Amino acid sequence: QVQLVESGGGLVQAGGSLTLSCAASGRAFSDYAIGWFRQAPGKEREFVVAVRRAAYSTYYEDSVKGRFTISRDNAKNTVYLQMKYLKPEDTAVYSCAAQSDGPLVRWTGWSKLLSQDEYDYWGQGTQVTVSS
């Protein structure tokens, strides 16, 4: 069982920066891949970025490449999402989610980590609003 709590959302002007945190409690955090998803008003929830248990293994959605950076600190059971050069279209509720990625889990490619249906645990979300 993993509990996730996001923080760090807020209101920022276009071009500004925010860093979101996803703090986890529970067992074996380091054996979970963490994904960030976002949902804008009136839209479907969409994938943003994911990091596997190996912190260097990441996958970004095209629209955030070069602007967002995901990192994880397993000692602190926390994943960070640094967001720079924010745009009004980044406005959404951002949620983190966890999916088992332990040594006994067979790697089948990134498609599983891009699919929100494959995630077992979700946080409550944090609002990010970017004003123009």
Protein backbone atom coordinates (compact mmCIF):
# COMPACT_ATOMS: atom_id res chain seq x y z
CA GLN A 1 0.00 0.00 0.00
CA VAL A 2 1.28 3.45 -0.94
CA GLN A 3 -0.23 6.78 0.03
CA LEU A 4 0.63 9.80 -2.09
CA VAL A 5 0.28 13.46 -1.22
CA GLU A 6 0.99 16.25 -3.69
CA SER A 7 1.97 19.78 -2.76
CA GLY A 8 3.47 22.87 -4.30
CA GLY A 9 0.69 23.98 -6.60
CA GLY A 10 -0.40 27.58 -6.86
CA LEU A 11 -0.90 30.60 -9.06
CA VAL A 12 1.96 31.78 -11.23
CA GLN A 13 2.35 34.11 -14.17
CA ALA A 14 3.19 32.81 -17.62
CA GLY A 15 6.92 32.22 -17.89
CA GLY A 16 7.20 31.49 -14.21
CA SER A 17 8.20 28.36 -12.34
CA LEU A 18 6.76 25.98 -9.78
CA THR A 19 8.02 22.80 -8.19
CA LEU A 20 5.51 20.14 -7.22
CA SER A 21 6.22 17.42 -4.70
CA CYS A 22 4.74 13.97 -4.42
CA ALA A 23 5.40 12.55 -0.97
CA ALA A 24 4.81 8.86 -0.46
CA SER A 25 4.28 6.77 2.60
CA GLY A 26 4.17 3.03 2.74
CA ARG A 27 6.48 0.25 1.86
CA ALA A 28 9.18 0.02 -0.78
CA PHE A 29 8.73 3.40 -2.40
CA SER A 30 11.88 2.80 -4.42
CA ASP A 31 10.17 -0.13 -6.18
CA TYR A 32 7.48 2.08 -7.66
CA ALA A 33 7.46 4.09 -10.83
CA ILE A 34 5.83 7.48 -10.34
CA GLY A 35 3.85 9.28 -12.98
CA TRP A 36 2.47 12.80 -13.08
CA PHE A 37 -0.83 13.40 -14.81
CA ARG A 38 -2.87 16.55 -15.22
CA GLN A 39 -6.47 17.40 -15.89
CA ALA A 40 -7.55 20.76 -17.20
CA PRO A 41 -11.15 21.97 -16.82
CA GLY A 42 -13.42 20.20 -19.27
CA LYS A 43 -10.66 17.93 -20.54
CA GLU A 44 -9.56 14.36 -20.02
CA ARG A 45 -6.72 13.61 -17.65
CA GLU A 46 -3.48 13.34 -19.57
CA PHE A 47 -0.01 11.96 -19.01
CA VAL A 48 2.77 14.45 -18.27
CA VAL A 49 5.89 12.58 -17.21
CA ALA A 50 7.01 9.42 -15.45
CA VAL A 51 10.11 8.19 -13.68
CA ARG A 52 11.00 4.57 -13.11
CA ARG A 53 12.61 3.28 -9.93
CA ALA A 54 15.93 4.11 -11.55
CA ALA A 55 15.84 7.88 -11.33
CA TYR A 56 17.61 8.38 -14.65
CA SER A 57 14.88 6.53 -16.54
CA THR A 58 12.26 9.12 -17.43
CA TYR A 59 9.68 9.78 -20.12
CA TYR A 60 8.17 13.17 -20.95
CA GLU A 61 5.13 14.14 -22.90
CA ASP A 62 6.23 16.21 -25.88
CA SER A 63 4.64 19.49 -24.80
CA VAL A 64 6.62 19.62 -21.55
CA LYS A 65 10.02 18.48 -22.82
CA GLY A 66 12.67 21.04 -22.04
CA ARG A 67 10.41 22.80 -19.55
CA PHE A 68 9.58 20.18 -16.92
CA THR A 69 12.03 18.01 -15.01
CA ILE A 70 11.11 15.02 -12.87
CA SER A 71 13.39 13.74 -10.14
CA ARG A 72 13.11 11.42 -7.20
CA ASP A 73 14.73 11.17 -3.80
CA ASN A 74 14.13 7.66 -2.54
CA ALA A 75 15.67 8.50 0.83
CA LYS A 76 12.90 11.07 1.31
CA ASN A 77 10.19 9.01 -0.43
CA THR A 78 9.51 12.00 -2.64
CA VAL A 79 9.25 12.74 -6.33
CA TYR A 80 9.60 16.29 -7.59
CA LEU A 81 8.27 17.93 -10.71
CA GLN A 82 10.12 21.13 -11.53
CA MET A 83 8.14 23.21 -14.00
CA LYS A 84 9.69 26.15 -15.81
CA TYR A 85 8.51 28.52 -18.55
CA LEU A 86 4.95 27.78 -17.60
CA LYS A 87 2.20 28.54 -20.08
CA PRO A 88 -1.51 29.19 -19.52
CA GLU A 89 -2.22 25.84 -21.18
CA ASP A 90 -0.35 24.14 -18.32
CA THR A 91 -3.20 25.12 -16.01
CA ALA A 92 -4.64 21.94 -14.53
CA VAL A 93 -4.92 19.76 -11.47
CA TYR A 94 -1.70 17.79 -11.27
CA SER A 95 -1.79 14.34 -9.71
CA CYS A 96 0.94 11.84 -9.02
CA ALA A 97 0.40 8.11 -9.21
CA ALA A 98 2.40 4.99 -8.37
CA GLN A 99 2.84 1.78 -10.30
CA SER A 100 4.88 -1.22 -9.21
CA ASP A 101 8.28 -1.29 -10.89
CA GLY A 102 10.16 -3.65 -8.61
CA PRO A 103 12.89 -6.07 -9.65
CA LEU A 104 10.37 -8.89 -10.19
CA VAL A 105 8.18 -6.81 -12.51
CA ARG A 106 8.91 -7.51 -16.15
CA TRP A 107 9.65 -4.38 -18.15
CA THR A 108 7.35 -4.22 -21.17
CA GLY A 109 8.08 -0.71 -22.33
CA TRP A 110 6.91 2.79 -21.56
CA SER A 111 3.34 2.31 -22.77
CA LYS A 112 2.34 0.86 -19.42
CA LEU A 113 3.65 3.94 -17.60
CA LEU A 114 1.83 6.28 -19.97
CA SER A 115 -1.52 4.65 -19.21
CA GLN A 116 -3.33 5.98 -16.14
CA ASP A 117 -5.28 2.71 -15.94
CA GLU A 118 -2.06 0.89 -15.05
CA TYR A 119 -1.44 2.92 -11.91
CA ASP A 120 -2.45 1.47 -8.57
CA TYR A 121 -2.25 4.47 -6.24
CA TRP A 122 -3.15 8.12 -6.71
CA GLY A 123 -2.76 11.32 -4.79
CA GLN A 124 -5.53 13.87 -4.38
CA GLY A 125 -4.02 16.38 -6.79
CA THR A 126 -2.76 19.94 -6.56
CA GLN A 127 -3.99 22.90 -8.59
CA VAL A 128 -1.62 24.75 -10.88
CA THR A 129 -2.92 27.94 -12.42
CA VAL A 130 -0.87 29.90 -14.94
CA SER A 131 -2.10 33.39 -15.73
CA SER A 132 -1.38 35.11 -19.01
